[in-house]
Structures are given as structure tokens and as C-alpha cells.
Amino acid sequence: MDMTWVIDRLAVGGGIWNDDNMAELARLGVTHIIDMQIEFDDRPLAKRHGISVLYNPTDDDFQPKPARLFQKGVDYALAALEQPEAKVYVHCAAGVHRAPMMTLAIMCALGWTLKDAQPLIETRRYVADFADVYVQSVRDFMKTYVKSQPASSSF
């Protein structure tokens, strides 16, 4: 698996593509996946392994990304991370643009500053490439971000 742990329970990487790779994720304890690739939907593979998937397909077109794209991913990741044993894997096809972008938004929602989170992701995942338009999209999202409250609040 082309996967990099950025922080304790949050990893970023490339496509899963087949059952062997999905099984490897399950063995590594991944419980939740944010699938940012438009090229392949992981849900059929994940179902057999009991892994929850948010299919959040995104074009890697170097255009600004809407806040709703980030809101879906951030809400999903934060709800997952409320569970002490949960591990979240964020991926796209290659783990270069879209997945690092979403990982950056999640880390900012967790309280990291963009100034600290971006270099950490780049250091841990050396192939991560933060296009200026994608970083600006995360910055714009964070200006309006409102943390959603879970149905049964455990905060």
C-alpha cells in the first residue's frame, strides 16, 4: 500500500484498487476511508472488510474547490476520530494533490495551523504537492468552517 501516516490515526496516500490492498488496510487497523478519487469507488471493496467509506470524488483539475467538499470530508473524519480505535485513510489516485489537500483541511479542523500542518504532511509524504489553488481552497474553507455536532454529542 502506498500509504503514509501523517499523525497517529490519520494517513494519506494513493489508490487502493484491489481486494488485497483493502485487506492490508484492514490488517493495519484502518476503519474509515475518505476516497477523493473520481477514478474509482472503493465502497464495494471496503464493504467485505467492514471499512466505512466516504466517496467524495474530486477532479484534480487545479480549480478552486468548494467548501461543501471539505465539509463532508472533515465532518466524516472528525466523527470517525471520536471513536478511540478508529483510523482514517484519505486517498486519491496517487496521493499527490487531492488527498493531501483533504488531509490538510482535516488537520486544520483538528486545531493545527495551516502553517504547521502543510510542512508536516510534505515531510511525511514527500510526494505531496500542494497546488496554490488547493491551499487557498482550504484556507477559504477554514474561514467559514463550523464544526458539526454529532447526533449524540460526546464533546
C-alpha atoms as a PDB file:
ATOM      1  CA  MET A   1       0.000   0.000   0.000  1.00  0.00           C
ATOM      2  CA  ASP A   2       1.152   3.476  -0.914  1.00  0.00           C
ATOM      3  CA  MET A   3       0.184   4.967   2.441  1.00  0.00           C
ATOM      4  CA  THR A   4       1.815   7.455   4.796  1.00  0.00           C
ATOM      5  CA  TRP A   5       0.812   8.058   8.419  1.00  0.00           C
ATOM      6  CA  VAL A   6       0.778  11.813   8.950  1.00  0.00           C
ATOM      7  CA  ILE A   7      -0.378  11.797  12.551  1.00  0.00           C
ATOM      8  CA  ASP A   8      -1.288   8.962  14.871  1.00  0.00           C
ATOM      9  CA  ARG A   9      -4.612   7.892  13.333  1.00  0.00           C
ATOM     10  CA  LEU A  10      -4.654   9.808  10.054  1.00  0.00           C
ATOM     11  CA  ALA A  11      -2.957   8.528   6.920  1.00  0.00           C
ATOM     12  CA  VAL A  12      -2.768   9.800   3.344  1.00  0.00           C
ATOM     13  CA  GLY A  13      -1.896   8.020   0.131  1.00  0.00           C
ATOM     14  CA  GLY A  14      -2.747   6.627  -3.261  1.00  0.00           C
ATOM     15  CA  GLY A  15      -5.441   4.380  -4.668  1.00  0.00           C
ATOM     16  CA  ILE A  16      -6.440   1.067  -3.153  1.00  0.00           C
ATOM     17  CA  TRP A  17      -7.622  -0.514  -6.424  1.00  0.00           C
ATOM     18  CA  ASN A  18      -7.988  -4.174  -5.339  1.00  0.00           C
ATOM     19  CA  ASP A  19      -9.097  -6.515  -2.568  1.00  0.00           C
ATOM     20  CA  ASP A  20      -5.555  -7.403  -1.451  1.00  0.00           C
ATOM     21  CA  ASN A  21      -4.808  -3.753  -0.728  1.00  0.00           C
ATOM     22  CA  MET A  22      -8.142  -3.295   1.060  1.00  0.00           C
ATOM     23  CA  ALA A  23      -7.350  -6.357   3.173  1.00  0.00           C
ATOM     24  CA  GLU A  24      -3.961  -4.818   4.037  1.00  0.00           C
ATOM     25  CA  LEU A  25      -5.689  -1.635   5.198  1.00  0.00           C
ATOM     26  CA  ALA A  26      -7.984  -3.707   7.397  1.00  0.00           C
ATOM     27  CA  ARG A  27      -4.951  -5.510   8.887  1.00  0.00           C
ATOM     28  CA  LEU A  28      -3.389  -2.104   9.617  1.00  0.00           C
ATOM     29  CA  GLY A  29      -6.491  -1.126  11.572  1.00  0.00           C
ATOM     30  CA  VAL A  30      -7.967   1.377   9.112  1.00  0.00           C
ATOM     31  CA  THR A  31     -11.654   1.742   9.923  1.00  0.00           C
ATOM     32  CA  HIS A  32     -12.613   4.694   7.732  1.00  0.00           C
ATOM     33  CA  ILE A  33     -11.626   5.814   4.241  1.00  0.00           C
ATOM     34  CA  ILE A  34     -12.117   9.134   2.519  1.00  0.00           C
ATOM     35  CA  ASP A  35     -11.932   8.336  -1.190  1.00  0.00           C
ATOM     36  CA  MET A  36     -11.174  11.551  -3.084  1.00  0.00           C
ATOM     37  CA  GLN A  37     -10.545   9.923  -6.443  1.00  0.00           C
ATOM     38  CA  ILE A  38     -13.059  10.290  -9.207  1.00  0.00           C
ATOM     39  CA  GLU A  39     -11.457   7.325 -10.975  1.00  0.00           C
ATOM     40  CA  PHE A  40     -12.568   4.501  -8.655  1.00  0.00           C
ATOM     41  CA  ASP A  41     -15.190   3.981  -5.954  1.00  0.00           C
ATOM     42  CA  ASP A  42     -13.830   1.939  -3.008  1.00  0.00           C
ATOM     43  CA  ARG A  43     -17.188   1.147  -1.420  1.00  0.00           C
ATOM     44  CA  PRO A  44     -17.695  -2.308  -2.976  1.00  0.00           C
ATOM     45  CA  LEU A  45     -14.192  -3.428  -1.916  1.00  0.00           C
ATOM     46  CA  ALA A  46     -14.477  -1.969   1.590  1.00  0.00           C
ATOM     47  CA  LYS A  47     -17.859  -3.474   2.412  1.00  0.00           C
ATOM     48  CA  ARG A  48     -16.451  -7.002   2.639  1.00  0.00           C
ATOM     49  CA  HIS A  49     -13.815  -5.814   5.143  1.00  0.00           C
ATOM     50  CA  GLY A  50     -16.162  -3.794   7.340  1.00  0.00           C
ATOM     51  CA  ILE A  51     -14.448  -0.491   6.484  1.00  0.00           C
ATOM     52  CA  SER A  52     -16.605   2.613   6.207  1.00  0.00           C
ATOM     53  CA  VAL A  53     -16.048   4.770   3.096  1.00  0.00           C
ATOM     54  CA  LEU A  54     -16.936   8.343   2.276  1.00  0.00           C
ATOM     55  CA  TYR A  55     -16.835   8.543  -1.505  1.00  0.00           C
ATOM     56  CA  ASN A  56     -16.014  12.207  -2.096  1.00  0.00           C
ATOM     57  CA  PRO A  57     -14.970  12.213  -5.793  1.00  0.00           C
ATOM     58  CA  THR A  58     -12.954  15.255  -6.798  1.00  0.00           C
ATOM     59  CA  ASP A  59     -11.465  16.284 -10.092  1.00  0.00           C
ATOM     60  CA  ASP A  60      -7.737  17.024  -9.938  1.00  0.00           C
ATOM     61  CA  ASP A  61      -8.222  19.991 -12.249  1.00  0.00           C
ATOM     62  CA  PHE A  62      -6.330  22.726 -10.361  1.00  0.00           C
ATOM     63  CA  GLN A  63      -9.524  24.704  -9.900  1.00  0.00           C
ATOM     64  CA  PRO A  64     -10.787  26.111  -6.583  1.00  0.00           C
ATOM     65  CA  LYS A  65     -12.649  23.524  -4.525  1.00  0.00           C
ATOM     66  CA  PRO A  66     -15.971  24.295  -2.820  1.00  0.00           C
ATOM     67  CA  ALA A  67     -16.424  24.403   0.932  1.00  0.00           C
ATOM     68  CA  ARG A  68     -19.020  21.581   0.790  1.00  0.00           C
ATOM     69  CA  LEU A  69     -16.321  19.195  -0.478  1.00  0.00           C
ATOM     70  CA  PHE A  70     -14.183  19.880   2.588  1.00  0.00           C
ATOM     71  CA  GLN A  71     -17.150  19.978   4.966  1.00  0.00           C
ATOM     72  CA  LYS A  72     -18.165  16.430   4.000  1.00  0.00           C
ATOM     73  CA  GLY A  73     -14.648  15.077   4.470  1.00  0.00           C
ATOM     74  CA  VAL A  74     -13.900  16.959   7.671  1.00  0.00           C
ATOM     75  CA  ASP A  75     -17.223  16.010   9.293  1.00  0.00           C
ATOM     76  CA  TYR A  76     -16.683  12.362   8.370  1.00  0.00           C
ATOM     77  CA  ALA A  77     -13.093  12.289   9.654  1.00  0.00           C
ATOM     78  CA  LEU A  78     -13.854  14.072  12.919  1.00  0.00           C
ATOM     79  CA  ALA A  79     -16.823  11.811  13.633  1.00  0.00           C
ATOM     80  CA  ALA A  80     -14.621   8.776  12.962  1.00  0.00           C
ATOM     81  CA  LEU A  81     -11.807  10.071  15.158  1.00  0.00           C
ATOM     82  CA  GLU A  82     -14.249  10.460  18.059  1.00  0.00           C
ATOM     83  CA  GLN A  83     -14.041   6.660  18.235  1.00  0.00           C
ATOM     84  CA  PRO A  84     -10.823   5.847  20.152  1.00  0.00           C
ATOM     85  CA  GLU A  85      -9.826   2.901  17.961  1.00  0.00           C
ATOM     86  CA  ALA A  86     -10.672   4.492  14.610  1.00  0.00           C
ATOM     87  CA  LYS A  87      -8.035   5.143  11.950  1.00  0.00           C
ATOM     88  CA  VAL A  88      -8.747   7.236   8.861  1.00  0.00           C
ATOM     89  CA  TYR A  89      -7.122   6.830   5.460  1.00  0.00           C
ATOM     90  CA  VAL A  90      -7.519   9.717   2.987  1.00  0.00           C
ATOM     91  CA  HIS A  91      -6.599   8.888  -0.574  1.00  0.00           C
ATOM     92  CA  CYS A  92      -6.873   9.783  -4.228  1.00  0.00           C
ATOM     93  CA  ALA A  93      -5.316   8.018  -7.207  1.00  0.00           C
ATOM     94  CA  ALA A  94      -1.668   8.899  -6.490  1.00  0.00           C
ATOM     95  CA  GLY A  95      -1.737  10.648  -3.114  1.00  0.00           C
ATOM     96  CA  VAL A  96      -0.168  13.785  -4.548  1.00  0.00           C
ATOM     97  CA  HIS A  97      -2.845  16.510  -4.776  1.00  0.00           C
ATOM     98  CA  ARG A  98      -6.408  15.729  -3.710  1.00  0.00           C
ATOM     99  CA  ALA A  99      -5.735  13.520  -0.676  1.00  0.00           C
ATOM    100  CA  PRO A 100      -3.070  15.817   0.815  1.00  0.00           C
ATOM    101  CA  MET A 101      -5.466  18.747   0.262  1.00  0.00           C
ATOM    102  CA  MET A 102      -8.234  16.997   2.252  1.00  0.00           C
ATOM    103  CA  THR A 103      -5.756  15.857   4.906  1.00  0.00           C
ATOM    104  CA  LEU A 104      -4.684  19.482   5.313  1.00  0.00           C
ATOM    105  CA  ALA A 105      -8.309  20.543   5.859  1.00  0.00           C
ATOM    106  CA  ILE A 106      -8.842  17.768   8.419  1.00  0.00           C
ATOM    107  CA  MET A 107      -5.707  18.702  10.338  1.00  0.00           C
ATOM    108  CA  CYS A 108      -6.731  22.369  10.380  1.00  0.00           C
ATOM    109  CA  ALA A 109     -10.166  21.352  11.703  1.00  0.00           C
ATOM    110  CA  LEU A 110      -8.366  19.338  14.392  1.00  0.00           C
ATOM    111  CA  GLY A 111      -6.659  22.540  15.510  1.00  0.00           C
ATOM    112  CA  TRP A 112      -3.409  22.546  13.539  1.00  0.00           C
ATOM    113  CA  THR A 113      -2.451  25.779  11.844  1.00  0.00           C
ATOM    114  CA  LEU A 114      -2.070  25.618   8.093  1.00  0.00           C
ATOM    115  CA  LYS A 115       1.487  26.847   8.598  1.00  0.00           C
ATOM    116  CA  ASP A 116       2.291  23.780  10.753  1.00  0.00           C
ATOM    117  CA  ALA A 117       0.141  21.135   9.053  1.00  0.00           C
ATOM    118  CA  GLN A 118       1.282  21.648   5.472  1.00  0.00           C
ATOM    119  CA  PRO A 119       5.013  21.161   6.121  1.00  0.00           C
ATOM    120  CA  LEU A 120       4.305  18.133   8.316  1.00  0.00           C
ATOM    121  CA  ILE A 121       2.305  16.485   5.524  1.00  0.00           C
ATOM    122  CA  GLU A 122       5.036  17.353   3.000  1.00  0.00           C
ATOM    123  CA  THR A 123       7.751  15.985   5.281  1.00  0.00           C
ATOM    124  CA  ARG A 124       5.946  12.723   5.952  1.00  0.00           C
ATOM    125  CA  ARG A 125       4.558  12.283   2.410  1.00  0.00           C
ATOM    126  CA  TYR A 126       7.364  13.529   0.218  1.00  0.00           C
ATOM    127  CA  VAL A 127       5.306  13.217  -2.999  1.00  0.00           C
ATOM    128  CA  ALA A 128       2.594  15.555  -1.681  1.00  0.00           C
ATOM    129  CA  ASP A 129       2.331  18.604  -3.908  1.00  0.00           C
ATOM    130  CA  PHE A 130       0.213  21.457  -2.635  1.00  0.00           C
ATOM    131  CA  ALA A 131      -1.006  23.491  -5.585  1.00  0.00           C
ATOM    132  CA  ASP A 132      -1.552  27.093  -4.539  1.00  0.00           C
ATOM    133  CA  VAL A 133      -5.212  26.962  -5.625  1.00  0.00           C
ATOM    134  CA  TYR A 134      -5.819  23.925  -3.399  1.00  0.00           C
ATOM    135  CA  VAL A 135      -4.149  25.507  -0.371  1.00  0.00           C
ATOM    136  CA  GLN A 136      -6.227  28.645  -0.956  1.00  0.00           C
ATOM    137  CA  SER A 137      -9.345  26.466  -1.138  1.00  0.00           C
ATOM    138  CA  VAL A 138      -8.505  25.001   2.293  1.00  0.00           C
ATOM    139  CA  ARG A 139      -7.767  28.488   3.636  1.00  0.00           C
ATOM    140  CA  ASP A 140     -11.132  29.757   2.332  1.00  0.00           C
ATOM    141  CA  PHE A 141     -12.937  26.747   3.810  1.00  0.00           C
ATOM    142  CA  MET A 142     -11.398  27.303   7.230  1.00  0.00           C
ATOM    143  CA  LYS A 143     -12.660  30.910   7.253  1.00  0.00           C
ATOM    144  CA  THR A 144     -16.229  29.607   7.201  1.00  0.00           C
ATOM    145  CA  TYR A 145     -15.808  26.211   8.856  1.00  0.00           C
ATOM    146  CA  VAL A 146     -18.292  25.390  11.570  1.00  0.00           C
ATOM    147  CA  LYS A 147     -17.765  22.154  13.451  1.00  0.00           C
ATOM    148  CA  SER A 148     -20.846  19.954  13.103  1.00  0.00           C
ATOM    149  CA  GLN A 149     -22.232  18.466  16.277  1.00  0.00           C
ATOM    150  CA  PRO A 150     -22.762  14.699  16.299  1.00  0.00           C
ATOM    151  CA  ALA A 151     -26.272  13.390  16.867  1.00  0.00           C
ATOM    152  CA  SER A 152     -25.324  12.168  20.347  1.00  0.00           C
ATOM    153  CA  SER A 153     -22.885  14.822  21.449  1.00  0.00           C
ATOM    154  CA  SER A 154     -19.803  13.419  23.124  1.00  0.00           C
ATOM    155  CA  PHE A 155     -17.831  16.648  23.178  1.00  0.00           C
END
